[in-house]
């Protein structure tokens, strides 16, 4: 099944006009080894190569910015451990990520009536309004979307979008790292 899913994802990305990616806490270094995370990011970067994409992450460990993913296409609204400015702090300053958030929302406006492949990778319920609920809403309103929700425990889908979504109950990092043919 894993190989079939990887092939489906590859086809979805290849055929899409735009790709939207959400990265959740399965990619955080408290939940996986840093080497595994970096390798998974590399496989994701290879998959996204030459595609028009944007990526949101709820992680604050900054590993995404050390990866091959284009930092200009990443927004991290929950903050950065390196700067000490994280959403769990009482004095969290949202202004630092707002310029990138504005780029993301402008990019998102361009997804209307386009073929969009959405990859929700390891996103749970830590900050559901940032990725999980927002991505569901995008799929609900854009009939040309298809979303892959990949999570070890929380791969459930809402009935309203079930026809345009695929749930994969597997750890997203491990799925990207599994032997066999690369996702790309």
C-alpha atoms as a PDB file:
ATOM      1  CA  UNK A   1       0.000   0.000   0.000  1.00  0.00           C
ATOM      2  CA  UNK A   2       2.798   2.425   0.820  1.00  0.00           C
ATOM      3  CA  UNK A   3       4.229   2.189  -2.686  1.00  0.00           C
ATOM      4  CA  UNK A   4       0.774   2.767  -4.193  1.00  0.00           C
ATOM      5  CA  UNK A   5       0.241   5.854  -2.051  1.00  0.00           C
ATOM      6  CA  UNK A   6       3.678   7.214  -2.931  1.00  0.00           C
ATOM      7  CA  UNK A   7       2.895   6.753  -6.640  1.00  0.00           C
ATOM      8  CA  UNK A   8      -0.487   8.465  -6.207  1.00  0.00           C
ATOM      9  CA  UNK A   9       1.163  11.405  -4.450  1.00  0.00           C
ATOM     10  CA  UNK A  10       3.803  11.681  -7.161  1.00  0.00           C
ATOM     11  CA  UNK A  11       1.109  11.713  -9.857  1.00  0.00           C
ATOM     12  CA  UNK A  12      -0.970  14.281  -7.963  1.00  0.00           C
ATOM     13  CA  UNK A  13       2.031  16.598  -7.579  1.00  0.00           C
ATOM     14  CA  UNK A  14       3.117  16.176 -11.191  1.00  0.00           C
ATOM     15  CA  UNK A  15      -0.346  16.930 -12.569  1.00  0.00           C
ATOM     16  CA  UNK A  16      -1.068  19.832 -10.214  1.00  0.00           C
ATOM     17  CA  UNK A  17      -0.823  23.475 -11.200  1.00  0.00           C
ATOM     18  CA  UNK A  18       0.059  24.302  -7.586  1.00  0.00           C
ATOM     19  CA  UNK A  19       1.085  22.310  -4.520  1.00  0.00           C
ATOM     20  CA  UNK A  20       0.293  23.271  -0.931  1.00  0.00           C
ATOM     21  CA  UNK A  21       2.151  21.487   1.867  1.00  0.00           C
ATOM     22  CA  UNK A  22       1.466  21.480   5.589  1.00  0.00           C
ATOM     23  CA  UNK A  23       4.136  20.162   7.946  1.00  0.00           C
ATOM     24  CA  UNK A  24       3.111  19.035  11.404  1.00  0.00           C
ATOM     25  CA  UNK A  25       4.790  17.805  14.543  1.00  0.00           C
ATOM     26  CA  UNK A  26       5.653  14.358  13.175  1.00  0.00           C
ATOM     27  CA  UNK A  27       8.502  16.358  11.574  1.00  0.00           C
ATOM     28  CA  UNK A  28       9.594  17.897  14.884  1.00  0.00           C
ATOM     29  CA  UNK A  29      12.866  16.700  16.387  1.00  0.00           C
ATOM     30  CA  UNK A  30      11.033  15.685  19.572  1.00  0.00           C
ATOM     31  CA  UNK A  31       9.137  13.077  17.505  1.00  0.00           C
ATOM     32  CA  UNK A  32      11.781  11.839  15.045  1.00  0.00           C
ATOM     33  CA  UNK A  33      15.545  11.767  14.715  1.00  0.00           C
ATOM     34  CA  UNK A  34      16.973  14.915  13.147  1.00  0.00           C
ATOM     35  CA  UNK A  35      18.725  12.873  10.444  1.00  0.00           C
ATOM     36  CA  UNK A  36      15.422  11.235   9.461  1.00  0.00           C
ATOM     37  CA  UNK A  37      13.650  14.589   9.353  1.00  0.00           C
ATOM     38  CA  UNK A  38      16.346  16.124   7.164  1.00  0.00           C
ATOM     39  CA  UNK A  39      16.258  13.154   4.794  1.00  0.00           C
ATOM     40  CA  UNK A  40      12.459  13.361   4.613  1.00  0.00           C
ATOM     41  CA  UNK A  41      12.722  17.088   3.845  1.00  0.00           C
ATOM     42  CA  UNK A  42      15.186  16.274   1.065  1.00  0.00           C
ATOM     43  CA  UNK A  43      12.746  13.786  -0.469  1.00  0.00           C
ATOM     44  CA  UNK A  44       9.996  16.385  -0.208  1.00  0.00           C
ATOM     45  CA  UNK A  45      12.236  19.018  -1.835  1.00  0.00           C
ATOM     46  CA  UNK A  46      12.938  16.579  -4.683  1.00  0.00           C
ATOM     47  CA  UNK A  47       9.222  15.955  -5.109  1.00  0.00           C
ATOM     48  CA  UNK A  48       8.464  19.686  -5.217  1.00  0.00           C
ATOM     49  CA  UNK A  49      11.312  20.540  -7.584  1.00  0.00           C
ATOM     50  CA  UNK A  50      10.119  22.712 -10.475  1.00  0.00           C
ATOM     51  CA  UNK A  51       6.629  23.039  -8.956  1.00  0.00           C
ATOM     52  CA  UNK A  52       4.852  26.179  -7.819  1.00  0.00           C
ATOM     53  CA  UNK A  53       4.353  25.419  -4.132  1.00  0.00           C
ATOM     54  CA  UNK A  54       3.989  26.933  -0.699  1.00  0.00           C
ATOM     55  CA  UNK A  55       4.639  25.239   2.632  1.00  0.00           C
ATOM     56  CA  UNK A  56       3.272  25.963   6.117  1.00  0.00           C
ATOM     57  CA  UNK A  57       4.783  24.476   9.243  1.00  0.00           C
ATOM     58  CA  UNK A  58       3.678  24.544  12.867  1.00  0.00           C
ATOM     59  CA  UNK A  59       7.143  23.438  13.983  1.00  0.00           C
ATOM     60  CA  UNK A  60       9.413  25.878  15.744  1.00  0.00           C
ATOM     61  CA  UNK A  61      12.620  23.810  15.584  1.00  0.00           C
ATOM     62  CA  UNK A  62      13.787  25.604  12.398  1.00  0.00           C
ATOM     63  CA  UNK A  63      14.910  22.369  10.692  1.00  0.00           C
ATOM     64  CA  UNK A  64      12.865  23.251   7.613  1.00  0.00           C
ATOM     65  CA  UNK A  65      15.117  26.274   7.096  1.00  0.00           C
ATOM     66  CA  UNK A  66      18.208  24.042   7.185  1.00  0.00           C
ATOM     67  CA  UNK A  67      16.764  21.767   4.497  1.00  0.00           C
ATOM     68  CA  UNK A  68      16.716  21.942   0.698  1.00  0.00           C
ATOM     69  CA  UNK A  69      13.195  23.425   0.796  1.00  0.00           C
ATOM     70  CA  UNK A  70      13.161  26.988  -0.573  1.00  0.00           C
ATOM     71  CA  UNK A  71      12.824  29.235   2.510  1.00  0.00           C
ATOM     72  CA  UNK A  72      11.033  31.847   0.383  1.00  0.00           C
ATOM     73  CA  UNK A  73       8.192  29.358   0.014  1.00  0.00           C
ATOM     74  CA  UNK A  74       7.879  28.575   3.740  1.00  0.00           C
ATOM     75  CA  UNK A  75       5.860  30.276   6.440  1.00  0.00           C
ATOM     76  CA  UNK A  76       6.227  29.313  10.105  1.00  0.00           C
ATOM     77  CA  UNK A  77       3.486  31.154  12.010  1.00  0.00           C
ATOM     78  CA  UNK A  78       4.216  29.397  15.309  1.00  0.00           C
ATOM     79  CA  UNK A  79       7.638  30.973  15.610  1.00  0.00           C
ATOM     80  CA  UNK A  80      11.288  30.011  15.833  1.00  0.00           C
ATOM     81  CA  UNK A  81      13.260  28.389  18.638  1.00  0.00           C
ATOM     82  CA  UNK A  82      16.443  30.081  17.383  1.00  0.00           C
ATOM     83  CA  UNK A  83      14.963  33.532  17.931  1.00  0.00           C
ATOM     84  CA  UNK A  84      13.192  32.548  21.139  1.00  0.00           C
ATOM     85  CA  UNK A  85       9.978  33.931  19.672  1.00  0.00           C
ATOM     86  CA  UNK A  86       7.497  31.030  19.783  1.00  0.00           C
ATOM     87  CA  UNK A  87       3.727  30.933  19.998  1.00  0.00           C
ATOM     88  CA  UNK A  88       3.802  29.398  23.488  1.00  0.00           C
ATOM     89  CA  UNK A  89       5.534  32.493  24.938  1.00  0.00           C
ATOM     90  CA  UNK A  90       3.409  35.142  26.650  1.00  0.00           C
ATOM     91  CA  UNK A  91       5.234  37.859  24.700  1.00  0.00           C
ATOM     92  CA  UNK A  92       5.024  36.136  21.286  1.00  0.00           C
ATOM     93  CA  UNK A  93       5.415  38.687  18.492  1.00  0.00           C
ATOM     94  CA  UNK A  94       3.484  37.682  15.376  1.00  0.00           C
ATOM     95  CA  UNK A  95       4.851  40.557  13.319  1.00  0.00           C
ATOM     96  CA  UNK A  96       8.060  38.687  12.395  1.00  0.00           C
ATOM     97  CA  UNK A  97       6.267  36.129  10.172  1.00  0.00           C
ATOM     98  CA  UNK A  98       3.615  38.480   8.727  1.00  0.00           C
ATOM     99  CA  UNK A  99       5.564  39.440   5.556  1.00  0.00           C
ATOM    100  CA  UNK A 100       5.848  35.748   4.657  1.00  0.00           C
ATOM    101  CA  UNK A 101       2.201  35.157   5.627  1.00  0.00           C
ATOM    102  CA  UNK A 102       1.198  37.929   3.200  1.00  0.00           C
ATOM    103  CA  UNK A 103       3.171  36.178   0.416  1.00  0.00           C
ATOM    104  CA  UNK A 104       1.368  32.947   1.292  1.00  0.00           C
ATOM    105  CA  UNK A 105      -2.111  34.512   1.238  1.00  0.00           C
ATOM    106  CA  UNK A 106      -1.359  36.176  -2.098  1.00  0.00           C
ATOM    107  CA  UNK A 107      -0.143  32.824  -3.458  1.00  0.00           C
ATOM    108  CA  UNK A 108      -3.274  31.180  -2.031  1.00  0.00           C
ATOM    109  CA  UNK A 109      -5.498  33.626  -3.943  1.00  0.00           C
ATOM    110  CA  UNK A 110      -3.984  32.208  -7.122  1.00  0.00           C
ATOM    111  CA  UNK A 111      -5.223  28.697  -6.293  1.00  0.00           C
ATOM    112  CA  UNK A 112      -8.865  29.502  -7.076  1.00  0.00           C
ATOM    113  CA  UNK A 113     -10.165  27.262  -9.859  1.00  0.00           C
ATOM    114  CA  UNK A 114      -6.709  25.654 -10.261  1.00  0.00           C
ATOM    115  CA  UNK A 115      -5.695  22.035  -9.956  1.00  0.00           C
ATOM    116  CA  UNK A 116      -4.123  21.966  -6.486  1.00  0.00           C
ATOM    117  CA  UNK A 117      -2.457  19.024  -4.773  1.00  0.00           C
ATOM    118  CA  UNK A 118      -2.403  19.405  -0.994  1.00  0.00           C
ATOM    119  CA  UNK A 119      -0.021  17.362   1.138  1.00  0.00           C
ATOM    120  CA  UNK A 120      -0.798  17.472   4.838  1.00  0.00           C
ATOM    121  CA  UNK A 121       2.158  15.703   6.411  1.00  0.00           C
ATOM    122  CA  UNK A 122       2.113  14.783  10.081  1.00  0.00           C
ATOM    123  CA  UNK A 123      -0.356  17.505  11.072  1.00  0.00           C
ATOM    124  CA  UNK A 124      -2.300  16.781  14.247  1.00  0.00           C
ATOM    125  CA  UNK A 125      -4.397  19.032  16.448  1.00  0.00           C
ATOM    126  CA  UNK A 126      -1.671  21.167  18.059  1.00  0.00           C
ATOM    127  CA  UNK A 127      -2.707  24.297  16.118  1.00  0.00           C
ATOM    128  CA  UNK A 128      -5.598  23.074  13.936  1.00  0.00           C
ATOM    129  CA  UNK A 129      -6.596  26.494  12.605  1.00  0.00           C
ATOM    130  CA  UNK A 130      -3.164  27.041  11.027  1.00  0.00           C
ATOM    131  CA  UNK A 131      -3.117  23.999   8.734  1.00  0.00           C
ATOM    132  CA  UNK A 132      -5.687  21.263   9.370  1.00  0.00           C
ATOM    133  CA  UNK A 133      -8.939  23.258   9.314  1.00  0.00           C
ATOM    134  CA  UNK A 134      -7.612  25.775   6.792  1.00  0.00           C
ATOM    135  CA  UNK A 135      -6.656  23.028   4.321  1.00  0.00           C
ATOM    136  CA  UNK A 136     -10.054  21.350   4.749  1.00  0.00           C
ATOM    137  CA  UNK A 137     -11.691  24.657   3.877  1.00  0.00           C
ATOM    138  CA  UNK A 138      -9.549  25.034   0.753  1.00  0.00           C
ATOM    139  CA  UNK A 139     -10.525  21.543  -0.421  1.00  0.00           C
ATOM    140  CA  UNK A 140     -14.185  22.238   0.371  1.00  0.00           C
ATOM    141  CA  UNK A 141     -14.318  25.371  -1.772  1.00  0.00           C
ATOM    142  CA  UNK A 142     -11.935  24.383  -4.572  1.00  0.00           C
ATOM    143  CA  UNK A 143     -13.449  21.443  -6.406  1.00  0.00           C
ATOM    144  CA  UNK A 144     -10.170  20.895  -8.301  1.00  0.00           C
ATOM    145  CA  UNK A 145      -8.178  20.089  -5.152  1.00  0.00           C
ATOM    146  CA  UNK A 146      -7.054  16.743  -3.906  1.00  0.00           C
ATOM    147  CA  UNK A 147      -5.573  16.424  -0.430  1.00  0.00           C
ATOM    148  CA  UNK A 148      -3.491  13.673   1.129  1.00  0.00           C
ATOM    149  CA  UNK A 149      -3.768  13.683   4.920  1.00  0.00           C
ATOM    150  CA  UNK A 150      -0.917  11.577   6.271  1.00  0.00           C
ATOM    151  CA  UNK A 151      -0.690  11.090  10.029  1.00  0.00           C
ATOM    152  CA  UNK A 152       0.053   8.143  12.280  1.00  0.00           C
ATOM    153  CA  UNK A 153      -2.977   8.764  14.532  1.00  0.00           C
ATOM    154  CA  UNK A 154      -5.113  11.575  13.079  1.00  0.00           C
ATOM    155  CA  UNK A 155      -5.765  10.778   9.420  1.00  0.00           C
ATOM    156  CA  UNK A 156      -9.535  11.196   9.756  1.00  0.00           C
ATOM    157  CA  UNK A 157     -11.415  13.161   7.098  1.00  0.00           C
ATOM    158  CA  UNK A 158     -14.587  15.203   7.215  1.00  0.00           C
ATOM    159  CA  UNK A 159     -17.476  13.790   5.155  1.00  0.00           C
ATOM    160  CA  UNK A 160     -17.907  17.006   3.146  1.00  0.00           C
ATOM    161  CA  UNK A 161     -14.523  16.599   1.445  1.00  0.00           C
ATOM    162  CA  UNK A 162     -14.040  12.830   1.565  1.00  0.00           C
ATOM    163  CA  UNK A 163     -14.353  12.435  -2.228  1.00  0.00           C
ATOM    164  CA  UNK A 164     -11.352  14.725  -2.832  1.00  0.00           C
ATOM    165  CA  UNK A 165      -9.125  13.516  -0.035  1.00  0.00           C
ATOM    166  CA  UNK A 166      -7.052  10.468   0.782  1.00  0.00           C
ATOM    167  CA  UNK A 167      -6.353   9.488   4.371  1.00  0.00           C
ATOM    168  CA  UNK A 168      -3.133   7.630   5.091  1.00  0.00           C
ATOM    169  CA  UNK A 169      -2.753   6.369   8.653  1.00  0.00           C
ATOM    170  CA  UNK A 170       1.019   6.293   8.732  1.00  0.00           C
ATOM    171  CA  UNK A 171       3.813   8.453  10.099  1.00  0.00           C
ATOM    172  CA  UNK A 172       4.576  11.028   7.393  1.00  0.00           C
ATOM    173  CA  UNK A 173       8.340  11.052   7.968  1.00  0.00           C
ATOM    174  CA  UNK A 174       8.498   7.262   7.767  1.00  0.00           C
ATOM    175  CA  UNK A 175       6.335   7.225   4.633  1.00  0.00           C
ATOM    176  CA  UNK A 176       8.755   9.542   2.850  1.00  0.00           C
ATOM    177  CA  UNK A 177      11.738   7.487   4.021  1.00  0.00           C
ATOM    178  CA  UNK A 178      10.450   4.004   3.247  1.00  0.00           C
ATOM    179  CA  UNK A 179      12.614   1.962   0.927  1.00  0.00           C
ATOM    180  CA  UNK A 180      11.443   1.323  -2.565  1.00  0.00           C
ATOM    181  CA  UNK A 181      10.891   3.823  -5.292  1.00  0.00           C
ATOM    182  CA  UNK A 182      11.329   7.445  -4.289  1.00  0.00           C
ATOM    183  CA  UNK A 183       8.239   9.633  -4.093  1.00  0.00           C
ATOM    184  CA  UNK A 184       9.682  11.665  -6.982  1.00  0.00           C
END
